[in-house]
Amino acid sequence: MANITRYDPFDVALDPFDDLFRGFLRPVRFEGQPQQMQIKMDVKENDKAYTVHAEIPGVKKEDIHVTIEGNQVSISAEVKKEKEEKEGDKVLRSERYYGKVYRSFSLGQDVDEATSVAKYNDGVLDLTLPKKATSSAKKLAIQ
């Protein structure tokens, strides 16, 4: 008996023109053009708290904002990058990037925002987010 397989028109392994159109719809980035900044994170969990390490290099700690609503954590930062190359009094090239980066994620349990701690050192934001104590289910006695 022959094996029956489902045809997927978007499967790249079956597409004979895969190499021809590879990267066709990706945005183009020219050499020397500043790359848009992203917040890269590691999130760890133990019994009592969540620990977040977020890379936000080149940003002042005054420009970083962290908000906590229940189990939703949002990190935003205002980025200002300037690079100017001069030769004598004449500017040969100037690259500036101003913008706002934003990252939001949900955790498995609500966070106690009153005891949460945020530290920023050497381009890394460290968040310690203690879990809220969950109320255990209460069994009601029927009268």
N, C-alpha and C. Protein backbone atom coordinates (compact mmCIF):
# COMPACT_ATOMS: atom_id res chain seq x y z
N MET A 1 0.84 -1.18 0.00
CA MET A 1 0.00 0.00 0.00
C MET A 1 0.89 1.24 0.00
N ALA A 2 0.53 2.22 -0.76
CA ALA A 2 1.34 3.44 -0.89
C ALA A 2 1.11 4.35 0.30
N ASN A 3 2.18 5.02 0.71
CA ASN A 3 2.05 5.98 1.81
C ASN A 3 1.38 7.24 1.29
N ILE A 4 0.41 7.74 2.04
CA ILE A 4 -0.29 8.95 1.66
C ILE A 4 0.29 10.10 2.47
N THR A 5 0.69 11.15 1.79
CA THR A 5 1.22 12.33 2.47
C THR A 5 0.40 13.54 2.05
N ARG A 6 0.28 14.44 2.96
CA ARG A 6 -0.46 15.67 2.70
C ARG A 6 0.47 16.67 2.03
N TYR A 7 0.02 17.29 0.95
CA TYR A 7 0.81 18.28 0.23
C TYR A 7 0.68 19.63 0.91
N ASP A 8 1.82 20.21 1.25
CA ASP A 8 1.85 21.55 1.85
C ASP A 8 2.49 22.49 0.82
N PRO A 9 1.73 23.44 0.27
CA PRO A 9 2.29 24.31 -0.76
C PRO A 9 3.36 25.25 -0.23
N PHE A 10 3.43 25.42 1.10
CA PHE A 10 4.41 26.33 1.68
C PHE A 10 5.63 25.60 2.21
N ASP A 11 5.69 24.31 2.01
CA ASP A 11 6.84 23.53 2.47
C ASP A 11 8.02 23.81 1.55
N VAL A 12 9.11 24.35 2.13
CA VAL A 12 10.25 24.74 1.31
C VAL A 12 11.02 23.54 0.76
N ALA A 13 10.89 22.38 1.41
CA ALA A 13 11.61 21.20 0.94
C ALA A 13 11.07 20.73 -0.41
N LEU A 14 9.80 20.98 -0.69
CA LEU A 14 9.20 20.54 -1.94
C LEU A 14 9.28 21.59 -3.03
N ASP A 15 9.64 22.80 -2.68
CA ASP A 15 9.65 23.90 -3.64
C ASP A 15 10.93 23.88 -4.47
N PRO A 16 10.83 23.66 -5.79
CA PRO A 16 12.04 23.63 -6.63
C PRO A 16 12.67 25.01 -6.80
N PHE A 17 11.91 26.07 -6.57
CA PHE A 17 12.43 27.42 -6.76
C PHE A 17 12.87 28.05 -5.43
N ASP A 18 13.14 27.21 -4.44
CA ASP A 18 13.47 27.69 -3.10
C ASP A 18 14.69 28.62 -3.12
N ASP A 19 15.76 28.20 -3.78
CA ASP A 19 16.96 29.02 -3.82
C ASP A 19 16.78 30.29 -4.64
N LEU A 20 15.91 30.25 -5.61
CA LEU A 20 15.70 31.39 -6.48
C LEU A 20 15.08 32.57 -5.72
N PHE A 21 14.13 32.29 -4.84
CA PHE A 21 13.41 33.36 -4.14
C PHE A 21 13.81 33.48 -2.66
N ARG A 22 14.89 32.82 -2.25
CA ARG A 22 15.31 32.87 -0.85
C ARG A 22 15.63 34.32 -0.45
N GLY A 23 14.98 34.77 0.61
CA GLY A 23 15.22 36.11 1.12
C GLY A 23 14.61 37.22 0.29
N PHE A 24 13.74 36.88 -0.65
CA PHE A 24 13.17 37.89 -1.55
C PHE A 24 12.32 38.91 -0.81
N LEU A 25 11.54 38.47 0.17
CA LEU A 25 10.64 39.37 0.89
C LEU A 25 11.23 39.90 2.19
N ARG A 26 12.47 39.58 2.48
CA ARG A 26 13.10 40.10 3.69
C ARG A 26 13.51 41.56 3.48
N PRO A 27 13.48 42.36 4.57
CA PRO A 27 13.92 43.75 4.41
C PRO A 27 15.41 43.81 4.09
N VAL A 28 15.77 44.76 3.28
CA VAL A 28 17.15 44.92 2.85
C VAL A 28 17.86 45.84 3.83
N ARG A 29 19.08 45.47 4.23
CA ARG A 29 19.89 46.31 5.10
C ARG A 29 21.22 46.53 4.41
N PHE A 30 21.53 47.77 4.14
CA PHE A 30 22.77 48.10 3.46
C PHE A 30 23.92 48.16 4.46
N GLU A 31 25.12 47.90 3.99
CA GLU A 31 26.30 47.95 4.83
C GLU A 31 26.49 49.37 5.37
N GLY A 32 26.80 49.46 6.65
CA GLY A 32 27.02 50.76 7.27
C GLY A 32 25.75 51.39 7.80
N GLN A 33 24.61 50.80 7.52
CA GLN A 33 23.34 51.34 8.01
C GLN A 33 23.14 50.87 9.45
N PRO A 34 22.72 51.76 10.37
CA PRO A 34 22.55 51.32 11.75
C PRO A 34 21.44 50.28 11.87
N GLN A 35 21.69 49.29 12.69
CA GLN A 35 20.73 48.21 12.87
C GLN A 35 19.75 48.60 13.97
N GLN A 36 18.49 48.30 13.76
CA GLN A 36 17.46 48.62 14.73
C GLN A 36 17.69 47.80 16.00
N MET A 37 17.54 48.46 17.14
CA MET A 37 17.82 47.81 18.41
C MET A 37 16.66 46.93 18.86
N GLN A 38 16.99 45.83 19.52
CA GLN A 38 15.99 44.92 20.07
C GLN A 38 16.37 44.62 21.50
N ILE A 39 15.37 44.33 22.33
CA ILE A 39 15.61 43.91 23.71
C ILE A 39 15.65 42.38 23.71
N LYS A 40 16.81 41.83 24.06
CA LYS A 40 16.96 40.37 24.13
C LYS A 40 16.93 39.96 25.59
N MET A 41 16.20 38.89 25.89
CA MET A 41 15.95 38.55 27.28
C MET A 41 16.17 37.08 27.58
N ASP A 42 16.49 36.82 28.86
CA ASP A 42 16.47 35.49 29.45
C ASP A 42 15.52 35.56 30.64
N VAL A 43 14.60 34.61 30.74
CA VAL A 43 13.65 34.57 31.86
C VAL A 43 13.82 33.23 32.56
N LYS A 44 14.05 33.29 33.88
CA LYS A 44 14.21 32.08 34.68
C LYS A 44 13.18 32.09 35.79
N GLU A 45 12.84 30.91 36.27
CA GLU A 45 11.82 30.79 37.31
C GLU A 45 12.30 29.81 38.39
N ASN A 46 12.03 30.16 39.64
CA ASN A 46 12.20 29.20 40.73
C ASN A 46 10.91 29.20 41.54
N ASP A 47 10.91 28.59 42.72
CA ASP A 47 9.67 28.48 43.51
C ASP A 47 9.13 29.82 43.97
N LYS A 48 10.02 30.78 44.21
CA LYS A 48 9.59 32.04 44.82
C LYS A 48 9.51 33.22 43.86
N ALA A 49 10.30 33.20 42.77
CA ALA A 49 10.36 34.41 41.93
C ALA A 49 10.75 34.08 40.50
N TYR A 50 10.54 35.06 39.65
CA TYR A 50 11.03 35.05 38.27
C TYR A 50 12.25 35.97 38.21
N THR A 51 13.23 35.59 37.42
CA THR A 51 14.41 36.43 37.21
C THR A 51 14.51 36.72 35.72
N VAL A 52 14.63 38.00 35.39
CA VAL A 52 14.71 38.43 33.99
C VAL A 52 16.03 39.17 33.79
N HIS A 53 16.77 38.78 32.75
CA HIS A 53 17.98 39.49 32.34
C HIS A 53 17.70 40.01 30.93
N ALA A 54 17.63 41.33 30.79
CA ALA A 54 17.33 41.95 29.49
C ALA A 54 18.50 42.80 29.04
N GLU A 55 18.98 42.56 27.82
CA GLU A 55 20.08 43.35 27.26
C GLU A 55 19.53 44.60 26.61
N ILE A 56 19.93 45.76 27.15
CA ILE A 56 19.54 47.05 26.58
C ILE A 56 20.80 47.92 26.57
N PRO A 57 21.75 47.65 25.68
CA PRO A 57 23.02 48.38 25.71
C PRO A 57 22.88 49.81 25.20
N GLY A 58 23.70 50.70 25.76
CA GLY A 58 23.77 52.07 25.30
C GLY A 58 22.62 52.95 25.70
N VAL A 59 21.84 52.54 26.69
CA VAL A 59 20.67 53.31 27.13
C VAL A 59 20.92 53.75 28.57
N LYS A 60 20.55 54.98 28.89
CA LYS A 60 20.66 55.46 30.27
C LYS A 60 19.54 54.84 31.10
N LYS A 61 19.82 54.59 32.37
CA LYS A 61 18.81 53.95 33.21
C LYS A 61 17.59 54.83 33.42
N GLU A 62 17.73 56.14 33.25
CA GLU A 62 16.58 57.05 33.36
C GLU A 62 15.61 56.87 32.19
N ASP A 63 16.09 56.32 31.09
CA ASP A 63 15.27 56.15 29.89
C ASP A 63 14.60 54.78 29.81
N ILE A 64 14.76 53.95 30.85
CA ILE A 64 14.17 52.61 30.88
C ILE A 64 12.96 52.63 31.81
N HIS A 65 11.85 52.05 31.35
CA HIS A 65 10.63 52.00 32.14
C HIS A 65 10.12 50.56 32.18
N VAL A 66 9.80 50.09 33.39
CA VAL A 66 9.27 48.75 33.59
C VAL A 66 7.91 48.88 34.26
N THR A 67 6.90 48.25 33.68
CA THR A 67 5.57 48.25 34.29
C THR A 67 5.13 46.81 34.50
N ILE A 68 4.43 46.60 35.62
CA ILE A 68 3.94 45.27 35.98
C ILE A 68 2.45 45.38 36.25
N GLU A 69 1.67 44.57 35.57
CA GLU A 69 0.23 44.50 35.79
C GLU A 69 -0.17 43.04 35.86
N GLY A 70 -0.33 42.55 37.08
CA GLY A 70 -0.68 41.14 37.26
C GLY A 70 0.47 40.25 36.85
N ASN A 71 0.28 39.47 35.79
CA ASN A 71 1.35 38.62 35.29
C ASN A 71 1.98 39.19 34.00
N GLN A 72 1.57 40.40 33.62
CA GLN A 72 2.07 41.05 32.40
C GLN A 72 3.21 42.00 32.77
N VAL A 73 4.38 41.83 32.16
CA VAL A 73 5.55 42.68 32.41
C VAL A 73 5.90 43.36 31.09
N SER A 74 6.10 44.68 31.15
CA SER A 74 6.46 45.46 29.96
C SER A 74 7.73 46.24 30.23
N ILE A 75 8.66 46.18 29.28
CA ILE A 75 9.91 46.93 29.36
C ILE A 75 9.97 47.84 28.14
N SER A 76 10.19 49.13 28.37
CA SER A 76 10.36 50.06 27.25
C SER A 76 11.58 50.92 27.53
N ALA A 77 12.23 51.35 26.47
CA ALA A 77 13.43 52.18 26.60
C ALA A 77 13.50 53.14 25.42
N GLU A 78 14.00 54.33 25.68
CA GLU A 78 14.20 55.30 24.62
C GLU A 78 15.67 55.26 24.22
N VAL A 79 15.91 54.98 22.95
CA VAL A 79 17.26 54.78 22.45
C VAL A 79 17.70 56.01 21.68
N LYS A 80 18.91 56.47 21.99
CA LYS A 80 19.50 57.59 21.27
C LYS A 80 20.92 57.19 20.91
N LYS A 81 21.15 56.95 19.65
CA LYS A 81 22.49 56.58 19.20
C LYS A 81 22.96 57.61 18.20
N GLU A 82 24.16 58.09 18.43
CA GLU A 82 24.76 59.06 17.51
C GLU A 82 26.16 58.61 17.17
N LYS A 83 26.50 58.70 15.91
CA LYS A 83 27.85 58.38 15.47
C LYS A 83 28.19 59.36 14.37
N GLU A 84 29.25 60.09 14.56
CA GLU A 84 29.62 61.11 13.59
C GLU A 84 31.09 60.97 13.29
N GLU A 85 31.43 60.91 12.00
CA GLU A 85 32.82 60.82 11.58
C GLU A 85 33.22 62.13 10.92
N LYS A 86 34.27 62.74 11.46
CA LYS A 86 34.72 64.03 10.95
C LYS A 86 36.13 63.93 10.41
N GLU A 87 36.40 64.74 9.44
CA GLU A 87 37.77 64.90 8.94
C GLU A 87 38.02 66.39 8.88
N GLY A 88 38.73 66.90 9.88
CA GLY A 88 38.92 68.34 9.98
C GLY A 88 37.62 68.99 10.42
N ASP A 89 37.13 69.97 9.68
CA ASP A 89 35.88 70.65 10.01
C ASP A 89 34.71 70.11 9.20
N LYS A 90 34.99 69.23 8.28
CA LYS A 90 33.95 68.74 7.38
C LYS A 90 33.41 67.40 7.87
N VAL A 91 32.08 67.28 8.00
CA VAL A 91 31.44 66.02 8.41
C VAL A 91 31.33 65.12 7.19
N LEU A 92 31.93 63.95 7.29
CA LEU A 92 31.88 62.99 6.18
C LEU A 92 30.66 62.10 6.26
N ARG A 93 30.31 61.69 7.47
CA ARG A 93 29.17 60.80 7.64
C ARG A 93 28.59 60.99 9.03
N SER A 94 27.29 61.02 9.12
CA SER A 94 26.61 61.15 10.41
C SER A 94 25.49 60.12 10.46
N GLU A 95 25.49 59.31 11.50
CA GLU A 95 24.46 58.30 11.67
C GLU A 95 23.77 58.54 13.00
N ARG A 96 22.49 58.71 12.96
CA ARG A 96 21.72 58.94 14.18
C ARG A 96 20.53 58.01 14.19
N TYR A 97 20.23 57.52 15.36
CA TYR A 97 19.07 56.66 15.53
C TYR A 97 18.38 57.07 16.82
N TYR A 98 17.17 57.51 16.69
CA TYR A 98 16.34 57.82 17.85
C TYR A 98 15.08 56.99 17.74
N GLY A 99 14.72 56.39 18.81
CA GLY A 99 13.50 55.60 18.75
C GLY A 99 13.18 54.99 20.11
N LYS A 100 12.13 54.22 20.13
CA LYS A 100 11.69 53.58 21.35
C LYS A 100 11.58 52.09 21.08
N VAL A 101 12.15 51.30 21.98
CA VAL A 101 12.02 49.85 21.88
C VAL A 101 11.10 49.40 23.00
N TYR A 102 10.37 48.34 22.73
CA TYR A 102 9.33 47.89 23.66
C TYR A 102 9.26 46.38 23.63
N ARG A 103 9.12 45.79 24.80
CA ARG A 103 8.98 44.34 24.89
C ARG A 103 8.00 44.04 26.01
N SER A 104 7.05 43.18 25.77
CA SER A 104 6.05 42.82 26.76
C SER A 104 5.88 41.31 26.74
N PHE A 105 5.70 40.73 27.92
CA PHE A 105 5.53 39.28 28.01
C PHE A 105 4.68 38.92 29.22
N SER A 106 4.09 37.75 29.19
CA SER A 106 3.25 37.25 30.27
C SER A 106 3.97 36.13 31.01
N LEU A 107 3.80 36.11 32.32
CA LEU A 107 4.37 35.06 33.14
C LEU A 107 3.26 34.13 33.60
N GLY A 108 3.63 32.98 34.12
CA GLY A 108 2.65 31.97 34.50
C GLY A 108 1.86 32.31 35.76
N GLN A 109 2.38 33.24 36.56
CA GLN A 109 1.74 33.57 37.82
C GLN A 109 1.84 35.08 38.04
N ASP A 110 0.92 35.65 38.81
CA ASP A 110 0.96 37.08 39.10
C ASP A 110 2.22 37.44 39.88
N VAL A 111 2.68 38.68 39.65
CA VAL A 111 3.92 39.16 40.25
C VAL A 111 3.58 40.16 41.36
N ASP A 112 4.32 40.08 42.45
CA ASP A 112 4.16 41.03 43.55
C ASP A 112 4.98 42.28 43.22
N GLU A 113 4.31 43.29 42.67
CA GLU A 113 5.02 44.49 42.20
C GLU A 113 5.61 45.31 43.34
N ALA A 114 5.09 45.17 44.56
CA ALA A 114 5.59 45.95 45.70
C ALA A 114 7.00 45.52 46.12
N THR A 115 7.34 44.26 45.94
CA THR A 115 8.66 43.77 46.35
C THR A 115 9.58 43.47 45.16
N SER A 116 9.18 43.83 43.96
CA SER A 116 10.00 43.61 42.78
C SER A 116 11.19 44.56 42.78
N VAL A 117 12.31 44.08 42.23
CA VAL A 117 13.55 44.86 42.22
C VAL A 117 14.08 44.92 40.79
N ALA A 118 14.55 46.12 40.38
CA ALA A 118 15.15 46.30 39.05
C ALA A 118 16.52 46.94 39.23
N LYS A 119 17.54 46.35 38.57
CA LYS A 119 18.90 46.90 38.59
C LYS A 119 19.40 46.97 37.16
N TYR A 120 20.13 48.04 36.84
CA TYR A 120 20.69 48.22 35.49
C TYR A 120 22.18 48.44 35.62
N ASN A 121 22.97 47.56 35.02
CA ASN A 121 24.41 47.66 35.10
C ASN A 121 25.04 47.13 33.82
N ASP A 122 25.92 47.90 33.22
CA ASP A 122 26.66 47.51 32.01
C ASP A 122 25.76 47.04 30.88
N GLY A 123 24.64 47.72 30.66
CA GLY A 123 23.76 47.41 29.55
C GLY A 123 22.81 46.26 29.78
N VAL A 124 22.78 45.71 30.99
CA VAL A 124 21.90 44.59 31.29
C VAL A 124 20.94 44.99 32.42
N LEU A 125 19.66 44.86 32.16
CA LEU A 125 18.62 45.12 33.16
C LEU A 125 18.29 43.80 33.84
N ASP A 126 18.46 43.76 35.17
CA ASP A 126 18.15 42.57 35.96
C ASP A 126 16.89 42.84 36.76
N LEU A 127 15.87 42.02 36.55
CA LEU A 127 14.62 42.13 37.28
C LEU A 127 14.43 40.91 38.16
N THR A 128 14.08 41.14 39.42
CA THR A 128 13.69 40.07 40.31
C THR A 128 12.22 40.29 40.62
N LEU A 129 11.39 39.37 40.16
CA LEU A 129 9.94 39.52 40.26
C LEU A 129 9.36 38.41 41.13
N PRO A 130 9.17 38.69 42.44
CA PRO A 130 8.61 37.67 43.33
C PRO A 130 7.18 37.31 42.95
N LYS A 131 6.85 36.07 43.10
CA LYS A 131 5.50 35.60 42.79
C LYS A 131 4.56 36.00 43.93
N LYS A 132 3.33 36.32 43.56
CA LYS A 132 2.32 36.61 44.59
C LYS A 132 1.89 35.29 45.20
N ALA A 133 1.65 35.34 46.50
CA ALA A 133 1.17 34.14 47.18
C ALA A 133 -0.25 33.86 46.71
N THR A 134 -0.45 32.67 46.22
CA THR A 134 -1.78 32.31 45.73
C THR A 134 -2.60 31.80 46.90
N SER A 135 -3.82 32.20 46.91
CA SER A 135 -4.70 31.71 47.97
C SER A 135 -5.15 30.30 47.61
N SER A 136 -5.02 29.41 48.55
CA SER A 136 -5.39 28.04 48.27
C SER A 136 -6.93 27.93 48.26
N ALA A 137 -7.40 26.96 47.56
CA ALA A 137 -8.85 26.78 47.46
C ALA A 137 -9.43 26.44 48.83
N LYS A 138 -10.51 27.06 49.14
CA LYS A 138 -11.15 26.84 50.44
C LYS A 138 -12.41 26.01 50.23
N LYS A 139 -12.53 24.98 51.02
CA LYS A 139 -13.69 24.11 50.91
C LYS A 139 -14.75 24.62 51.88
N LEU A 140 -15.91 24.85 51.37
CA LEU A 140 -17.01 25.34 52.20
C LEU A 140 -17.79 24.17 52.77
N ALA A 141 -18.13 24.30 54.05
CA ALA A 141 -18.96 23.29 54.68
C ALA A 141 -20.42 23.60 54.38
N ILE A 142 -21.15 22.62 53.99
CA ILE A 142 -22.57 22.81 53.66
C ILE A 142 -23.37 22.65 54.93
N GLN A 143 -24.22 23.62 55.21
CA GLN A 143 -25.03 23.61 56.44
C GLN A 143 -26.39 23.03 56.18
